[in-house]
């Protein structure tokens, strides 16, 4: 698979719906970022990798970098996290607003480097 559309198309319709929504909110939040596939998952790049997302069997994986996870630790406390990953279970409401907020914060961190 070479495009994000191809990546999304491989999943069942109910998962595709979630992935399409995440893709759209990231595209709206990061209009200057390049959309690509890296590490086998959708990736948004501007000078460096900004965020990645991926569907697993039971959760949506979101990868906004360790510093973002540290910054949002309180908001992420209900979810399983590791150094660089967050798991949003498909059995719960996906926190799209939180994903967008972390994506926006990540963009601001990289955009600051331009100043």
N, C-alpha and C. Protein backbone atom coordinates (compact mmCIF):
# COMPACT_ATOMS: atom_id res chain seq x y z
N UNK A 1 0.84 -1.17 0.00
CA UNK A 1 0.00 0.00 0.00
C UNK A 1 0.88 1.23 0.00
N UNK A 2 0.48 2.21 -0.79
CA UNK A 2 1.32 3.39 -0.93
C UNK A 2 0.61 4.70 -0.58
N UNK A 3 -0.71 4.66 -0.41
CA UNK A 3 -1.44 5.88 -0.08
C UNK A 3 -2.28 5.66 1.18
N UNK A 4 -2.66 6.76 1.78
CA UNK A 4 -3.51 6.68 2.97
C UNK A 4 -4.88 6.13 2.59
N UNK A 5 -5.38 6.47 1.45
CA UNK A 5 -6.67 5.92 1.00
C UNK A 5 -6.60 4.39 0.90
N UNK A 6 -5.51 3.87 0.36
CA UNK A 6 -5.34 2.41 0.28
C UNK A 6 -5.25 1.80 1.67
N UNK A 7 -4.54 2.47 2.56
CA UNK A 7 -4.44 2.00 3.94
C UNK A 7 -5.82 1.87 4.56
N UNK A 8 -6.62 2.91 4.45
CA UNK A 8 -7.96 2.93 5.05
C UNK A 8 -8.86 1.87 4.43
N UNK A 9 -8.75 1.69 3.13
CA UNK A 9 -9.63 0.77 2.40
C UNK A 9 -9.50 -0.69 2.84
N UNK A 10 -8.40 -1.04 3.50
CA UNK A 10 -8.20 -2.44 3.89
C UNK A 10 -9.00 -2.85 5.13
N UNK A 11 -9.65 -1.90 5.79
CA UNK A 11 -10.35 -2.19 7.04
C UNK A 11 -11.86 -2.30 6.84
N UNK A 12 -12.55 -2.94 7.79
CA UNK A 12 -14.01 -3.02 7.71
C UNK A 12 -14.63 -1.62 7.74
N UNK A 13 -15.83 -1.48 7.20
CA UNK A 13 -16.47 -0.17 7.09
C UNK A 13 -16.54 0.63 8.40
N UNK A 14 -16.81 -0.02 9.52
CA UNK A 14 -16.92 0.72 10.78
C UNK A 14 -15.58 1.30 11.23
N UNK A 15 -14.49 0.62 10.89
CA UNK A 15 -13.15 1.12 11.20
C UNK A 15 -12.76 2.19 10.18
N UNK A 16 -13.11 1.97 8.93
CA UNK A 16 -12.84 2.96 7.89
C UNK A 16 -13.46 4.31 8.26
N UNK A 17 -14.66 4.28 8.80
CA UNK A 17 -15.35 5.52 9.19
C UNK A 17 -14.52 6.31 10.22
N UNK A 18 -13.97 5.61 11.19
CA UNK A 18 -13.13 6.25 12.21
C UNK A 18 -11.86 6.80 11.56
N UNK A 19 -11.22 6.00 10.73
CA UNK A 19 -9.96 6.41 10.11
C UNK A 19 -10.15 7.61 9.18
N UNK A 20 -11.24 7.60 8.44
CA UNK A 20 -11.54 8.73 7.54
C UNK A 20 -11.74 10.01 8.35
N UNK A 21 -12.43 9.88 9.47
CA UNK A 21 -12.66 11.06 10.31
C UNK A 21 -11.35 11.58 10.91
N UNK A 22 -10.50 10.68 11.38
CA UNK A 22 -9.20 11.09 11.93
C UNK A 22 -8.35 11.73 10.82
N UNK A 23 -8.35 11.12 9.66
CA UNK A 23 -7.58 11.68 8.53
C UNK A 23 -8.05 13.09 8.20
N UNK A 24 -9.35 13.27 8.13
CA UNK A 24 -9.89 14.59 7.78
C UNK A 24 -9.51 15.63 8.82
N UNK A 25 -9.64 15.31 10.09
CA UNK A 25 -9.32 16.32 11.11
C UNK A 25 -7.84 16.65 11.12
N UNK A 26 -6.99 15.66 10.85
CA UNK A 26 -5.55 15.94 10.77
C UNK A 26 -5.25 16.81 9.55
N UNK A 27 -5.86 16.50 8.42
CA UNK A 27 -5.64 17.31 7.22
C UNK A 27 -6.08 18.75 7.44
N UNK A 28 -7.20 18.94 8.12
CA UNK A 28 -7.70 20.29 8.39
C UNK A 28 -6.78 21.03 9.36
N UNK A 29 -6.21 20.31 10.31
CA UNK A 29 -5.36 20.91 11.33
C UNK A 29 -3.94 21.16 10.82
N UNK A 30 -3.49 20.31 9.90
CA UNK A 30 -2.13 20.41 9.37
C UNK A 30 -2.14 20.58 7.84
N UNK A 31 -2.73 21.67 7.35
CA UNK A 31 -2.86 21.80 5.88
C UNK A 31 -1.53 21.86 5.15
N UNK A 32 -0.45 22.25 5.82
CA UNK A 32 0.85 22.35 5.16
C UNK A 32 1.65 21.05 5.22
N UNK A 33 1.15 20.09 5.98
CA UNK A 33 1.88 18.83 6.14
C UNK A 33 1.70 17.92 4.93
N UNK A 34 2.72 17.15 4.66
CA UNK A 34 2.67 16.14 3.61
C UNK A 34 2.08 14.86 4.19
N UNK A 35 1.10 14.31 3.50
CA UNK A 35 0.50 13.04 3.91
C UNK A 35 1.23 11.92 3.19
N UNK A 36 1.67 10.93 3.96
CA UNK A 36 2.44 9.83 3.38
C UNK A 36 2.23 8.58 4.22
N UNK A 37 2.80 7.49 3.79
CA UNK A 37 2.82 6.26 4.59
C UNK A 37 4.26 6.05 5.05
N UNK A 38 4.45 5.98 6.36
CA UNK A 38 5.76 5.64 6.94
C UNK A 38 5.51 4.63 8.03
N UNK A 39 6.41 3.70 8.17
CA UNK A 39 6.27 2.64 9.18
C UNK A 39 4.95 1.88 9.00
N UNK A 40 4.43 1.86 7.77
CA UNK A 40 3.21 1.14 7.47
C UNK A 40 1.94 1.82 7.93
N UNK A 41 2.01 3.12 8.26
CA UNK A 41 0.81 3.82 8.73
C UNK A 41 0.76 5.24 8.20
N UNK A 42 -0.44 5.83 8.17
CA UNK A 42 -0.56 7.22 7.74
C UNK A 42 0.29 8.14 8.62
N UNK A 43 1.03 9.00 7.95
CA UNK A 43 1.97 9.90 8.61
C UNK A 43 1.82 11.29 8.02
N UNK A 44 1.97 12.28 8.87
CA UNK A 44 1.89 13.68 8.45
C UNK A 44 3.22 14.33 8.78
N UNK A 45 3.87 14.87 7.75
CA UNK A 45 5.26 15.31 7.83
C UNK A 45 5.36 16.78 7.43
N UNK A 46 6.06 17.55 8.24
CA UNK A 46 6.45 18.91 7.90
C UNK A 46 7.77 19.16 8.63
N UNK A 47 8.85 19.10 7.92
CA UNK A 47 10.20 19.19 8.47
C UNK A 47 10.58 17.98 9.32
N UNK A 48 9.60 17.34 9.90
CA UNK A 48 9.78 16.11 10.68
C UNK A 48 8.42 15.43 10.77
N UNK A 49 8.41 14.19 11.24
CA UNK A 49 7.13 13.52 11.43
C UNK A 49 6.35 14.25 12.52
N UNK A 50 5.12 14.63 12.21
CA UNK A 50 4.28 15.32 13.18
C UNK A 50 3.42 14.33 13.96
N UNK A 51 2.60 13.59 13.26
CA UNK A 51 1.76 12.57 13.89
C UNK A 51 1.57 11.41 12.93
N UNK A 52 1.24 10.26 13.51
CA UNK A 52 0.89 9.04 12.76
C UNK A 52 -0.39 8.50 13.40
N UNK A 53 -1.15 7.71 12.64
CA UNK A 53 -2.24 6.95 13.23
C UNK A 53 -2.33 5.60 12.56
N UNK A 54 -2.94 4.65 13.24
CA UNK A 54 -3.07 3.31 12.69
C UNK A 54 -4.21 2.58 13.39
N UNK A 55 -4.83 1.67 12.67
CA UNK A 55 -5.87 0.82 13.25
C UNK A 55 -5.24 -0.50 13.67
N UNK A 56 -5.53 -0.91 14.88
CA UNK A 56 -5.15 -2.23 15.37
C UNK A 56 -6.45 -3.02 15.55
N UNK A 57 -6.34 -4.22 16.03
CA UNK A 57 -7.53 -5.07 16.15
C UNK A 57 -8.59 -4.46 17.06
N UNK A 58 -8.16 -3.89 18.19
CA UNK A 58 -9.12 -3.41 19.18
C UNK A 58 -9.04 -1.92 19.49
N UNK A 59 -8.12 -1.22 18.79
CA UNK A 59 -7.97 0.19 19.12
C UNK A 59 -7.42 0.99 17.94
N UNK A 60 -7.59 2.30 18.05
CA UNK A 60 -6.94 3.25 17.17
C UNK A 60 -5.64 3.66 17.84
N UNK A 61 -4.54 3.48 17.16
CA UNK A 61 -3.25 3.93 17.67
C UNK A 61 -2.98 5.34 17.16
N UNK A 62 -2.56 6.21 18.05
CA UNK A 62 -2.21 7.58 17.66
C UNK A 62 -0.82 7.85 18.19
N UNK A 63 0.03 8.40 17.34
CA UNK A 63 1.45 8.54 17.65
C UNK A 63 1.87 10.00 17.44
N UNK A 64 1.74 10.83 18.46
CA UNK A 64 2.03 12.26 18.32
C UNK A 64 3.40 12.69 18.85
N UNK A 65 4.27 11.79 19.15
CA UNK A 65 5.61 11.98 19.75
C UNK A 65 5.53 11.97 21.28
N UNK A 66 6.59 11.52 21.92
CA UNK A 66 6.61 11.43 23.38
C UNK A 66 6.33 12.76 24.10
N UNK A 67 6.88 13.85 23.58
CA UNK A 67 6.68 15.14 24.26
C UNK A 67 5.21 15.55 24.26
N UNK A 68 4.48 15.21 23.22
CA UNK A 68 3.05 15.51 23.16
C UNK A 68 2.30 14.68 24.20
N UNK A 69 2.65 13.41 24.30
CA UNK A 69 2.00 12.55 25.28
C UNK A 69 2.27 13.06 26.70
N UNK A 70 3.48 13.49 26.94
CA UNK A 70 3.81 14.07 28.26
C UNK A 70 2.97 15.32 28.52
N UNK A 71 2.86 16.18 27.52
CA UNK A 71 2.11 17.43 27.68
C UNK A 71 0.62 17.19 27.94
N UNK A 72 0.08 16.14 27.39
CA UNK A 72 -1.35 15.84 27.53
C UNK A 72 -1.61 14.68 28.50
N UNK A 73 -0.68 14.41 29.38
CA UNK A 73 -0.77 13.26 30.28
C UNK A 73 -2.08 13.21 31.06
N UNK A 74 -2.52 14.34 31.57
CA UNK A 74 -3.76 14.34 32.37
C UNK A 74 -4.96 13.96 31.51
N UNK A 75 -5.09 14.57 30.35
CA UNK A 75 -6.21 14.27 29.45
C UNK A 75 -6.16 12.83 28.95
N UNK A 76 -4.96 12.27 28.87
CA UNK A 76 -4.78 10.91 28.36
C UNK A 76 -4.87 9.84 29.44
N UNK A 77 -5.05 10.24 30.68
CA UNK A 77 -5.03 9.28 31.79
C UNK A 77 -6.04 8.13 31.64
N UNK A 78 -7.19 8.32 30.98
CA UNK A 78 -8.10 7.17 30.83
C UNK A 78 -7.64 6.14 29.78
N UNK A 79 -6.59 6.46 29.04
CA UNK A 79 -6.18 5.60 27.93
C UNK A 79 -4.82 4.95 28.20
N UNK A 80 -4.60 3.85 27.52
CA UNK A 80 -3.30 3.18 27.61
C UNK A 80 -2.31 3.98 26.75
N UNK A 81 -1.18 4.34 27.35
CA UNK A 81 -0.15 5.07 26.63
C UNK A 81 1.20 4.41 26.86
N UNK A 82 2.11 4.71 25.96
CA UNK A 82 3.50 4.33 26.14
C UNK A 82 4.31 5.56 25.77
N UNK A 83 5.59 5.41 25.66
CA UNK A 83 6.44 6.57 25.39
C UNK A 83 5.96 7.38 24.18
N UNK A 84 5.59 6.72 23.11
CA UNK A 84 5.21 7.44 21.90
C UNK A 84 3.85 7.11 21.33
N UNK A 85 3.06 6.30 22.05
CA UNK A 85 1.79 5.83 21.49
C UNK A 85 0.63 5.97 22.47
N UNK A 86 -0.53 6.14 21.88
CA UNK A 86 -1.78 6.18 22.65
C UNK A 86 -2.72 5.17 22.01
N UNK A 87 -3.45 4.43 22.84
CA UNK A 87 -4.45 3.50 22.34
C UNK A 87 -5.84 3.99 22.72
N UNK A 88 -6.66 4.27 21.69
CA UNK A 88 -8.05 4.65 21.90
C UNK A 88 -8.90 3.43 21.52
N UNK A 89 -9.47 2.74 22.52
CA UNK A 89 -10.23 1.51 22.24
C UNK A 89 -11.45 1.78 21.34
N UNK A 90 -11.69 0.86 20.43
CA UNK A 90 -12.86 0.98 19.56
C UNK A 90 -14.16 0.77 20.34
N UNK A 91 -14.08 0.22 21.54
CA UNK A 91 -15.28 0.00 22.35
C UNK A 91 -15.75 1.27 23.06
N UNK A 92 -14.94 2.32 23.01
CA UNK A 92 -15.30 3.61 23.61
C UNK A 92 -15.38 4.67 22.53
N UNK A 93 -16.00 5.78 22.87
CA UNK A 93 -16.07 6.93 21.96
C UNK A 93 -14.64 7.40 21.65
N UNK A 94 -14.32 7.57 20.39
CA UNK A 94 -13.00 8.08 20.01
C UNK A 94 -12.98 9.58 20.33
N UNK A 95 -11.97 10.06 21.06
CA UNK A 95 -11.93 11.48 21.45
C UNK A 95 -11.34 12.35 20.33
N UNK A 96 -12.15 12.59 19.31
CA UNK A 96 -11.67 13.33 18.15
C UNK A 96 -11.17 14.73 18.52
N UNK A 97 -11.86 15.39 19.44
CA UNK A 97 -11.42 16.73 19.85
C UNK A 97 -10.04 16.69 20.48
N UNK A 98 -9.77 15.68 21.29
CA UNK A 98 -8.47 15.54 21.92
C UNK A 98 -7.39 15.24 20.87
N UNK A 99 -7.71 14.39 19.92
CA UNK A 99 -6.76 14.10 18.83
C UNK A 99 -6.43 15.39 18.08
N UNK A 100 -7.45 16.18 17.80
CA UNK A 100 -7.21 17.43 17.08
C UNK A 100 -6.40 18.41 17.93
N UNK A 101 -6.69 18.48 19.20
CA UNK A 101 -5.94 19.37 20.09
C UNK A 101 -4.46 18.97 20.16
N UNK A 102 -4.20 17.67 20.28
CA UNK A 102 -2.81 17.21 20.30
C UNK A 102 -2.11 17.49 18.97
N UNK A 103 -2.83 17.30 17.87
CA UNK A 103 -2.28 17.56 16.54
C UNK A 103 -1.94 19.04 16.39
N UNK A 104 -2.83 19.91 16.82
CA UNK A 104 -2.59 21.35 16.76
C UNK A 104 -1.39 21.73 17.62
N UNK A 105 -1.30 21.16 18.82
CA UNK A 105 -0.19 21.45 19.72
C UNK A 105 1.12 21.01 19.08
N UNK A 106 1.11 19.84 18.47
CA UNK A 106 2.30 19.30 17.82
C UNK A 106 2.75 20.24 16.70
N UNK A 107 1.80 20.72 15.91
CA UNK A 107 2.11 21.66 14.83
C UNK A 107 2.75 22.92 15.39
N UNK A 108 2.22 23.43 16.48
CA UNK A 108 2.75 24.66 17.08
C UNK A 108 4.20 24.46 17.55
N UNK A 109 4.51 23.27 18.05
CA UNK A 109 5.87 22.99 18.49
C UNK A 109 6.85 23.04 17.32
N UNK A 110 6.46 22.49 16.19
CA UNK A 110 7.33 22.48 15.01
C UNK A 110 7.35 23.86 14.35
N UNK A 111 6.22 24.53 14.30
CA UNK A 111 6.15 25.86 13.68
C UNK A 111 7.00 26.87 14.44
N UNK A 112 7.12 26.69 15.77
CA UNK A 112 7.96 27.58 16.59
C UNK A 112 9.41 27.57 16.10
N UNK A 113 9.81 26.42 15.58
CA UNK A 113 11.19 26.29 15.09
C UNK A 113 11.46 27.18 13.89
N UNK A 114 10.38 27.60 13.21
CA UNK A 114 10.52 28.48 12.05
C UNK A 114 10.80 29.92 12.47
N UNK A 115 10.47 30.25 13.70
CA UNK A 115 10.59 31.63 14.16
C UNK A 115 12.02 32.02 14.44
